Amino acid sequence: MEPGKITFTVICNDDKYLNPIIDWYNKNYKTDFKIVKIIYDEVNFAEIEVSKYKSADLFALGYRFGVKEQGLREKGEIDW
């Protein structure tokens, strides 16, 4: 584990797509990612905080979220 809590920001269409990914990831990989703020604007962002993680978890969570959103785009459930 890496020491210390970090906060980072990601582009996020809506937290309703991000929350299930975070919940699943935390449960399966024993991390503690949580959304601390959503910034709704022309481009929406989620501010995420974590203290129990490895560097690979940051990439893996983003990858899972990206795959989920791409799947929703392909089904026409969200747009770009």
PDB file of N, CA and C in Angstrom:
ATOM      1  N   MET A   1       0.827  -1.184   0.000  1.00  0.00           N
ATOM      2  CA  MET A   1       0.000   0.000   0.000  1.00  0.00           C
ATOM      3  C   MET A   1       0.874   1.251   0.000  1.00  0.00           C
ATOM      4  N   GLU A   2       0.364   2.244  -0.672  1.00  0.00           N
ATOM      5  CA  GLU A   2       1.051   3.528  -0.672  1.00  0.00           C
ATOM      6  C   GLU A   2       0.501   4.363   0.472  1.00  0.00           C
ATOM      7  N   PRO A   3       1.355   5.107   1.142  1.00  0.00           N
ATOM      8  CA  PRO A   3       0.878   5.907   2.270  1.00  0.00           C
ATOM      9  C   PRO A   3       0.106   7.140   1.830  1.00  0.00           C
ATOM     10  N   GLY A   4      -0.808   7.557   2.667  1.00  0.00           N
ATOM     11  CA  GLY A   4      -1.456   8.845   2.480  1.00  0.00           C
ATOM     12  C   GLY A   4      -2.689   8.845   1.620  1.00  0.00           C
ATOM     13  N   LYS A   5      -3.539   9.783   1.921  1.00  0.00           N
ATOM     14  CA  LYS A   5      -4.784   9.985   1.186  1.00  0.00           C
ATOM     15  C   LYS A   5      -4.514  10.905   0.010  1.00  0.00           C
ATOM     16  N   ILE A   6      -5.111  10.583  -1.127  1.00  0.00           N
ATOM     17  CA  ILE A   6      -5.009  11.468  -2.281  1.00  0.00           C
ATOM     18  C   ILE A   6      -6.412  11.788  -2.791  1.00  0.00           C
ATOM     19  N   THR A   7      -6.514  12.901  -3.470  1.00  0.00           N
ATOM     20  CA  THR A   7      -7.746  13.301  -4.129  1.00  0.00           C
ATOM     21  C   THR A   7      -7.397  13.612  -5.570  1.00  0.00           C
ATOM     22  N   PHE A   8      -8.219  13.125  -6.492  1.00  0.00           N
ATOM     23  CA  PHE A   8      -7.989  13.381  -7.905  1.00  0.00           C
ATOM     24  C   PHE A   8      -9.333  13.613  -8.591  1.00  0.00           C
ATOM     25  N   THR A   9      -9.288  14.184  -9.775  1.00  0.00           N
ATOM     26  CA  THR A   9     -10.490  14.547 -10.508  1.00  0.00           C
ATOM     27  C   THR A   9     -10.522  13.800 -11.833  1.00  0.00           C
ATOM     28  N   VAL A  10     -11.710  13.298 -12.183  1.00  0.00           N
ATOM     29  CA  VAL A  10     -11.896  12.595 -13.451  1.00  0.00           C
ATOM     30  C   VAL A  10     -13.118  13.154 -14.174  1.00  0.00           C
ATOM     31  N   ILE A  11     -13.096  13.087 -15.496  1.00  0.00           N
ATOM     32  CA  ILE A  11     -14.277  13.430 -16.283  1.00  0.00           C
ATOM     33  C   ILE A  11     -15.312  12.352 -16.043  1.00  0.00           C
ATOM     34  N   CYS A  12     -16.554  12.779 -15.834  1.00  0.00           N
ATOM     35  CA  CYS A  12     -17.608  11.837 -15.463  1.00  0.00           C
ATOM     36  C   CYS A  12     -18.936  12.334 -16.022  1.00  0.00           C
ATOM     37  N   ASN A  13     -19.582  11.553 -16.884  1.00  0.00           N
ATOM     38  CA  ASN A  13     -20.896  11.974 -17.395  1.00  0.00           C
ATOM     39  C   ASN A  13     -21.879  12.171 -16.255  1.00  0.00           C
ATOM     40  N   ASP A  14     -21.957  11.206 -15.355  1.00  0.00           N
ATOM     41  CA  ASP A  14     -22.912  11.254 -14.251  1.00  0.00           C
ATOM     42  C   ASP A  14     -22.439  10.270 -13.185  1.00  0.00           C
ATOM     43  N   ASP A  15     -22.593  10.640 -11.917  1.00  0.00           N
ATOM     44  CA  ASP A  15     -22.133   9.743 -10.855  1.00  0.00           C
ATOM     45  C   ASP A  15     -22.929   8.444 -10.798  1.00  0.00           C
ATOM     46  N   LYS A  16     -24.113   8.396 -11.429  1.00  0.00           N
ATOM     47  CA  LYS A  16     -24.882   7.149 -11.423  1.00  0.00           C
ATOM     48  C   LYS A  16     -24.171   6.054 -12.211  1.00  0.00           C
ATOM     49  N   TYR A  17     -23.245   6.421 -13.089  1.00  0.00           N
ATOM     50  CA  TYR A  17     -22.443   5.433 -13.803  1.00  0.00           C
ATOM     51  C   TYR A  17     -21.157   5.116 -13.048  1.00  0.00           C
ATOM     52  N   LEU A  18     -20.642   6.100 -12.344  1.00  0.00           N
ATOM     53  CA  LEU A  18     -19.371   5.925 -11.632  1.00  0.00           C
ATOM     54  C   LEU A  18     -19.543   5.199 -10.299  1.00  0.00           C
ATOM     55  N   ASN A  19     -20.598   5.505  -9.553  1.00  0.00           N
ATOM     56  CA  ASN A  19     -20.798   4.895  -8.233  1.00  0.00           C
ATOM     57  C   ASN A  19     -20.782   3.370  -8.241  1.00  0.00           C
ATOM     58  N   PRO A  20     -21.506   2.703  -9.156  1.00  0.00           N
ATOM     59  CA  PRO A  20     -21.474   1.231  -9.146  1.00  0.00           C
ATOM     60  C   PRO A  20     -20.082   0.662  -9.428  1.00  0.00           C
ATOM     61  N   ILE A  21     -19.308   1.347 -10.272  1.00  0.00           N
ATOM     62  CA  ILE A  21     -17.940   0.891 -10.558  1.00  0.00           C
ATOM     63  C   ILE A  21     -17.079   1.028  -9.313  1.00  0.00           C
ATOM     64  N   ILE A  22     -17.190   2.152  -8.628  1.00  0.00           N
ATOM     65  CA  ILE A  22     -16.419   2.359  -7.392  1.00  0.00           C
ATOM     66  C   ILE A  22     -16.813   1.330  -6.338  1.00  0.00           C
ATOM     67  N   ASP A  23     -18.108   1.113  -6.149  1.00  0.00           N
ATOM     68  CA  ASP A  23     -18.568   0.131  -5.159  1.00  0.00           C
ATOM     69  C   ASP A  23     -18.028  -1.260  -5.471  1.00  0.00           C
ATOM     70  N   TRP A  24     -18.126  -1.666  -6.732  1.00  0.00           N
ATOM     71  CA  TRP A  24     -17.631  -2.980  -7.138  1.00  0.00           C
ATOM     72  C   TRP A  24     -16.120  -3.082  -6.911  1.00  0.00           C
ATOM     73  N   TYR A  25     -15.390  -2.039  -7.325  1.00  0.00           N
ATOM     74  CA  TYR A  25     -13.933  -2.061  -7.207  1.00  0.00           C
ATOM     75  C   TYR A  25     -13.511  -2.121  -5.739  1.00  0.00           C
ATOM     76  N   ASN A  26     -14.123  -1.297  -4.906  1.00  0.00           N
ATOM     77  CA  ASN A  26     -13.786  -1.313  -3.475  1.00  0.00           C
ATOM     78  C   ASN A  26     -14.024  -2.688  -2.861  1.00  0.00           C
ATOM     79  N   LYS A  27     -15.138  -3.299  -3.189  1.00  0.00           N
ATOM     80  CA  LYS A  27     -15.490  -4.606  -2.634  1.00  0.00           C
ATOM     81  C   LYS A  27     -14.496  -5.685  -3.071  1.00  0.00           C
ATOM     82  N   ASN A  28     -14.129  -5.680  -4.333  1.00  0.00           N
ATOM     83  CA  ASN A  28     -13.279  -6.737  -4.872  1.00  0.00           C
ATOM     84  C   ASN A  28     -11.791  -6.531  -4.627  1.00  0.00           C
ATOM     85  N   TYR A  29     -11.356  -5.299  -4.490  1.00  0.00           N
ATOM     86  CA  TYR A  29      -9.924  -5.025  -4.351  1.00  0.00           C
ATOM     87  C   TYR A  29      -9.556  -4.375  -3.022  1.00  0.00           C
ATOM     88  N   LYS A  30     -10.511  -4.315  -2.095  1.00  0.00           N
ATOM     89  CA  LYS A  30     -10.259  -3.811  -0.732  1.00  0.00           C
ATOM     90  C   LYS A  30      -9.660  -2.410  -0.731  1.00  0.00           C
ATOM     91  N   THR A  31     -10.194  -1.550  -1.602  1.00  0.00           N
ATOM     92  CA  THR A  31      -9.784  -0.154  -1.644  1.00  0.00           C
ATOM     93  C   THR A  31     -10.886   0.687  -1.001  1.00  0.00           C
ATOM     94  N   ASP A  32     -10.673   1.980  -0.926  1.00  0.00           N
ATOM     95  CA  ASP A  32     -11.685   2.853  -0.315  1.00  0.00           C
ATOM     96  C   ASP A  32     -11.939   4.127  -1.141  1.00  0.00           C
ATOM     97  N   PHE A  33     -12.056   3.949  -2.452  1.00  0.00           N
ATOM     98  CA  PHE A  33     -12.390   5.075  -3.313  1.00  0.00           C
ATOM     99  C   PHE A  33     -13.760   5.616  -2.917  1.00  0.00           C
ATOM    100  N   LYS A  34     -13.898   6.942  -2.920  1.00  0.00           N
ATOM    101  CA  LYS A  34     -15.217   7.534  -2.705  1.00  0.00           C
ATOM    102  C   LYS A  34     -15.282   8.876  -3.420  1.00  0.00           C
ATOM    103  N   ILE A  35     -16.468   9.158  -3.929  1.00  0.00           N
ATOM    104  CA  ILE A  35     -16.705  10.436  -4.593  1.00  0.00           C
ATOM    105  C   ILE A  35     -16.942  11.476  -3.503  1.00  0.00           C
ATOM    106  N   VAL A  36     -16.176  12.551  -3.548  1.00  0.00           N
ATOM    107  CA  VAL A  36     -16.357  13.606  -2.557  1.00  0.00           C
ATOM    108  C   VAL A  36     -17.109  14.809  -3.128  1.00  0.00           C
ATOM    109  N   LYS A  37     -17.097  14.933  -4.469  1.00  0.00           N
ATOM    110  CA  LYS A  37     -17.813  16.062  -5.064  1.00  0.00           C
ATOM    111  C   LYS A  37     -18.022  15.792  -6.552  1.00  0.00           C
ATOM    112  N   ILE A  38     -19.188  16.187  -7.045  1.00  0.00           N
ATOM    113  CA  ILE A  38     -19.465  16.166  -8.478  1.00  0.00           C
ATOM    114  C   ILE A  38     -19.589  17.619  -8.927  1.00  0.00           C
ATOM    115  N   ILE A  39     -18.907  17.939 -10.003  1.00  0.00           N
ATOM    116  CA  ILE A  39     -18.943  19.285 -10.558  1.00  0.00           C
ATOM    117  C   ILE A  39     -19.683  19.190 -11.893  1.00  0.00           C
ATOM    118  N   TYR A  40     -20.946  19.625 -11.888  1.00  0.00           N
ATOM    119  CA  TYR A  40     -21.766  19.600 -13.101  1.00  0.00           C
ATOM    120  C   TYR A  40     -21.576  20.909 -13.850  1.00  0.00           C
ATOM    121  N   ASP A  41     -21.134  20.794 -15.094  1.00  0.00           N
ATOM    122  CA  ASP A  41     -20.894  21.947 -15.945  1.00  0.00           C
ATOM    123  C   ASP A  41     -21.016  21.463 -17.386  1.00  0.00           C
ATOM    124  N   GLU A  42     -20.476  22.205 -18.344  1.00  0.00           N
ATOM    125  CA  GLU A  42     -20.484  21.730 -19.728  1.00  0.00           C
ATOM    126  C   GLU A  42     -19.784  20.381 -19.815  1.00  0.00           C
ATOM    127  N   VAL A  43     -18.713  20.222 -19.074  1.00  0.00           N
ATOM    128  CA  VAL A  43     -18.032  18.946 -18.903  1.00  0.00           C
ATOM    129  C   VAL A  43     -18.102  18.640 -17.415  1.00  0.00           C
ATOM    130  N   ASN A  44     -18.636  17.473 -17.059  1.00  0.00           N
ATOM    131  CA  ASN A  44     -18.807  17.108 -15.651  1.00  0.00           C
ATOM    132  C   ASN A  44     -17.566  16.391 -15.126  1.00  0.00           C
ATOM    133  N   PHE A  45     -17.264  16.647 -13.872  1.00  0.00           N
ATOM    134  CA  PHE A  45     -16.114  16.028 -13.227  1.00  0.00           C
ATOM    135  C   PHE A  45     -16.529  15.437 -11.884  1.00  0.00           C
ATOM    136  N   ALA A  46     -15.832  14.380 -11.495  1.00  0.00           N
ATOM    137  CA  ALA A  46     -16.000  13.800 -10.166  1.00  0.00           C
ATOM    138  C   ALA A  46     -14.674  13.926  -9.430  1.00  0.00           C
ATOM    139  N   GLU A  47     -14.734  14.425  -8.217  1.00  0.00           N
ATOM    140  CA  GLU A  47     -13.558  14.478  -7.354  1.00  0.00           C
ATOM    141  C   GLU A  47     -13.595  13.226  -6.490  1.00  0.00           C
ATOM    142  N   ILE A  48     -12.538  12.434  -6.546  1.00  0.00           N
ATOM    143  CA  ILE A  48     -12.481  11.141  -5.860  1.00  0.00           C
ATOM    144  C   ILE A  48     -11.340  11.153  -4.848  1.00  0.00           C
ATOM    145  N   GLU A  49     -11.599  10.542  -3.716  1.00  0.00           N
ATOM    146  CA  GLU A  49     -10.616  10.446  -2.636  1.00  0.00           C
ATOM    147  C   GLU A  49     -10.347   8.974  -2.365  1.00  0.00           C
ATOM    148  N   VAL A  50      -9.095   8.652  -2.018  1.00  0.00           N
ATOM    149  CA  VAL A  50      -8.730   7.274  -1.685  1.00  0.00           C
ATOM    150  C   VAL A  50      -7.519   7.293  -0.758  1.00  0.00           C
ATOM    151  N   SER A  51      -7.479   6.340   0.167  1.00  0.00           N
ATOM    152  CA  SER A  51      -6.304   6.220   1.034  1.00  0.00           C
ATOM    153  C   SER A  51      -5.748   4.792   1.044  1.00  0.00           C
ATOM    154  N   LYS A  52      -6.567   3.804   0.724  1.00  0.00           N
ATOM    155  CA  LYS A  52      -6.103   2.410   0.655  1.00  0.00           C
ATOM    156  C   LYS A  52      -6.030   2.002  -0.812  1.00  0.00           C
ATOM    157  N   TYR A  53      -4.830   2.029  -1.371  1.00  0.00           N
ATOM    158  CA  TYR A  53      -4.689   1.764  -2.798  1.00  0.00           C
ATOM    159  C   TYR A  53      -3.254   1.429  -3.153  1.00  0.00           C
ATOM    160  N   LYS A  54      -3.095   0.877  -4.342  1.00  0.00           N
ATOM    161  CA  LYS A  54      -1.798   0.729  -4.997  1.00  0.00           C
ATOM    162  C   LYS A  54      -1.874   1.594  -6.250  1.00  0.00           C
ATOM    163  N   SER A  55      -0.757   1.950  -6.796  1.00  0.00           N
ATOM    164  CA  SER A  55      -0.759   2.773  -8.009  1.00  0.00           C
ATOM    165  C   SER A  55      -1.592   2.134  -9.110  1.00  0.00           C
ATOM    166  N   ALA A  56      -1.511   0.824  -9.236  1.00  0.00           N
ATOM    167  CA  ALA A  56      -2.260   0.110 -10.269  1.00  0.00           C
ATOM    168  C   ALA A  56      -3.763   0.276 -10.092  1.00  0.00           C
ATOM    169  N   ASP A  57      -4.233   0.467  -8.862  1.00  0.00           N
ATOM    170  CA  ASP A  57      -5.667   0.640  -8.627  1.00  0.00           C
ATOM    171  C   ASP A  57      -6.197   1.905  -9.289  1.00  0.00           C
ATOM    172  N   LEU A  58      -5.412   2.952  -9.326  1.00  0.00           N
ATOM    173  CA  LEU A  58      -5.834   4.199  -9.957  1.00  0.00           C
ATOM    174  C   LEU A  58      -6.098   3.970 -11.439  1.00  0.00           C
ATOM    175  N   PHE A  59      -5.192   3.272 -12.090  1.00  0.00           N
ATOM    176  CA  PHE A  59      -5.367   2.954 -13.504  1.00  0.00           C
ATOM    177  C   PHE A  59      -6.538   2.001 -13.709  1.00  0.00           C
ATOM    178  N   ALA A  60      -6.593   0.946 -12.914  1.00  0.00           N
ATOM    179  CA  ALA A  60      -7.609  -0.091 -13.096  1.00  0.00           C
ATOM    180  C   ALA A  60      -9.023   0.455 -12.897  1.00  0.00           C
ATOM    181  N   LEU A  61      -9.222   1.307 -11.905  1.00  0.00           N
ATOM    182  CA  LEU A  61     -10.539   1.903 -11.692  1.00  0.00           C
ATOM    183  C   LEU A  61     -10.925   2.759 -12.901  1.00  0.00           C
ATOM    184  N   GLY A  62     -10.006   3.569 -13.374  1.00  0.00           N
ATOM    185  CA  GLY A  62     -10.274   4.403 -14.551  1.00  0.00           C
ATOM    186  C   GLY A  62     -10.566   3.569 -15.784  1.00  0.00           C
ATOM    187  N   TYR A  63      -9.842   2.479 -15.952  1.00  0.00           N
ATOM    188  CA  TYR A  63     -10.060   1.596 -17.092  1.00  0.00           C
ATOM    189  C   TYR A  63     -11.458   0.988 -17.033  1.00  0.00           C
ATOM    190  N   ARG A  64     -11.841   0.475 -15.874  1.00  0.00           N
ATOM    191  CA  ARG A  64     -13.176  -0.134 -15.719  1.00  0.00           C
ATOM    192  C   ARG A  64     -14.280   0.879 -16.008  1.00  0.00           C
ATOM    193  N   PHE A  65     -14.098   2.078 -15.497  1.00  0.00           N
ATOM    194  CA  PHE A  65     -15.092   3.126 -15.731  1.00  0.00           C
ATOM    195  C   PHE A  65     -15.159   3.484 -17.212  1.00  0.00           C
ATOM    196  N   GLY A  66     -14.011   3.596 -17.855  1.00  0.00           N
ATOM    197  CA  GLY A  66     -13.971   3.898 -19.285  1.00  0.00           C
ATOM    198  C   GLY A  66     -14.655   2.828 -20.123  1.00  0.00           C
ATOM    199  N   VAL A  67     -14.428   1.564 -19.794  1.00  0.00           N
ATOM    200  CA  VAL A  67     -15.069   0.455 -20.507  1.00  0.00           C
ATOM    201  C   VAL A  67     -16.581   0.519 -20.325  1.00  0.00           C
ATOM    202  N   LYS A  68     -17.033   0.799 -19.108  1.00  0.00           N
ATOM    203  CA  LYS A  68     -18.465   0.899 -18.822  1.00  0.00           C
ATOM    204  C   LYS A  68     -19.098   2.023 -19.643  1.00  0.00           C
ATOM    205  N   GLU A  69     -18.490   3.200 -19.630  1.00  0.00           N
ATOM    206  CA  GLU A  69     -19.050   4.326 -20.382  1.00  0.00           C
ATOM    207  C   GLU A  69     -19.025   4.063 -21.883  1.00  0.00           C
ATOM    208  N   GLN A  70     -17.987   3.425 -22.389  1.00  0.00           N
ATOM    209  CA  GLN A  70     -17.927   3.116 -23.816  1.00  0.00           C
ATOM    210  C   GLN A  70     -19.048   2.146 -24.196  1.00  0.00           C
ATOM    211  N   GLY A  71     -19.317   1.171 -23.347  1.00  0.00           N
ATOM    212  CA  GLY A  71     -20.415   0.239 -23.583  1.00  0.00           C
ATOM    213  C   GLY A  71     -21.759   0.959 -23.630  1.00  0.00           C
ATOM    214  N   LEU A  72     -21.951   1.917 -22.734  1.00  0.00           N
ATOM    215  CA  LEU A  72     -23.186   2.700 -22.726  1.00  0.00           C
ATOM    216  C   LEU A  72     -23.306   3.558 -23.988  1.00  0.00           C
ATOM    217  N   ARG A  73     -22.190   4.104 -24.464  1.00  0.00           N
ATOM    218  CA  ARG A  73     -22.198   4.891 -25.706  1.00  0.00           C
ATOM    219  C   ARG A  73     -22.595   4.015 -26.893  1.00  0.00           C
ATOM    220  N   GLU A  74     -22.016   2.822 -26.951  1.00  0.00           N
ATOM    221  CA  GLU A  74     -22.294   1.912 -28.063  1.00  0.00           C
ATOM    222  C   GLU A  74     -23.765   1.476 -28.076  1.00  0.00           C
ATOM    223  N   LYS A  75     -24.384   1.403 -26.911  1.00  0.00           N
ATOM    224  CA  LYS A  75     -25.816   1.053 -26.827  1.00  0.00           C
ATOM    225  C   LYS A  75     -26.711   2.274 -27.053  1.00  0.00           C
ATOM    226  N   GLY A  76     -26.121   3.452 -27.142  1.00  0.00           N
ATOM    227  CA  GLY A  76     -26.887   4.681 -27.336  1.00  0.00           C
ATOM    228  C   GLY A  76     -27.531   5.192 -26.047  1.00  0.00           C
ATOM    229  N   GLU A  77     -27.075   4.687 -24.896  1.00  0.00           N
ATOM    230  CA  GLU A  77     -27.650   5.108 -23.616  1.00  0.00           C
ATOM    231  C   GLU A  77     -27.085   6.432 -23.123  1.00  0.00           C
ATOM    232  N   ILE A  78     -25.879   6.776 -23.562  1.00  0.00           N
ATOM    233  CA  ILE A  78     -25.293   8.086 -23.287  1.00  0.00           C
ATOM    234  C   ILE A  78     -24.630   8.566 -24.577  1.00  0.00           C
ATOM    235  N   ASP A  79     -24.408   9.863 -24.666  1.00  0.00           N
ATOM    236  CA  ASP A  79     -23.693  10.363 -25.841  1.00  0.00           C
ATOM    237  C   ASP A  79     -22.315  10.833 -25.427  1.00  0.00           C
ATOM    238  N   TRP A  80     -21.595  11.344 -26.365  1.00  0.00           N
ATOM    239  CA  TRP A  80     -20.220  11.755 -26.103  1.00  0.00           C
ATOM    240  C   TRP A  80     -20.221  12.972 -25.245  1.00  0.00           C
TER     241      TRP A  80
END
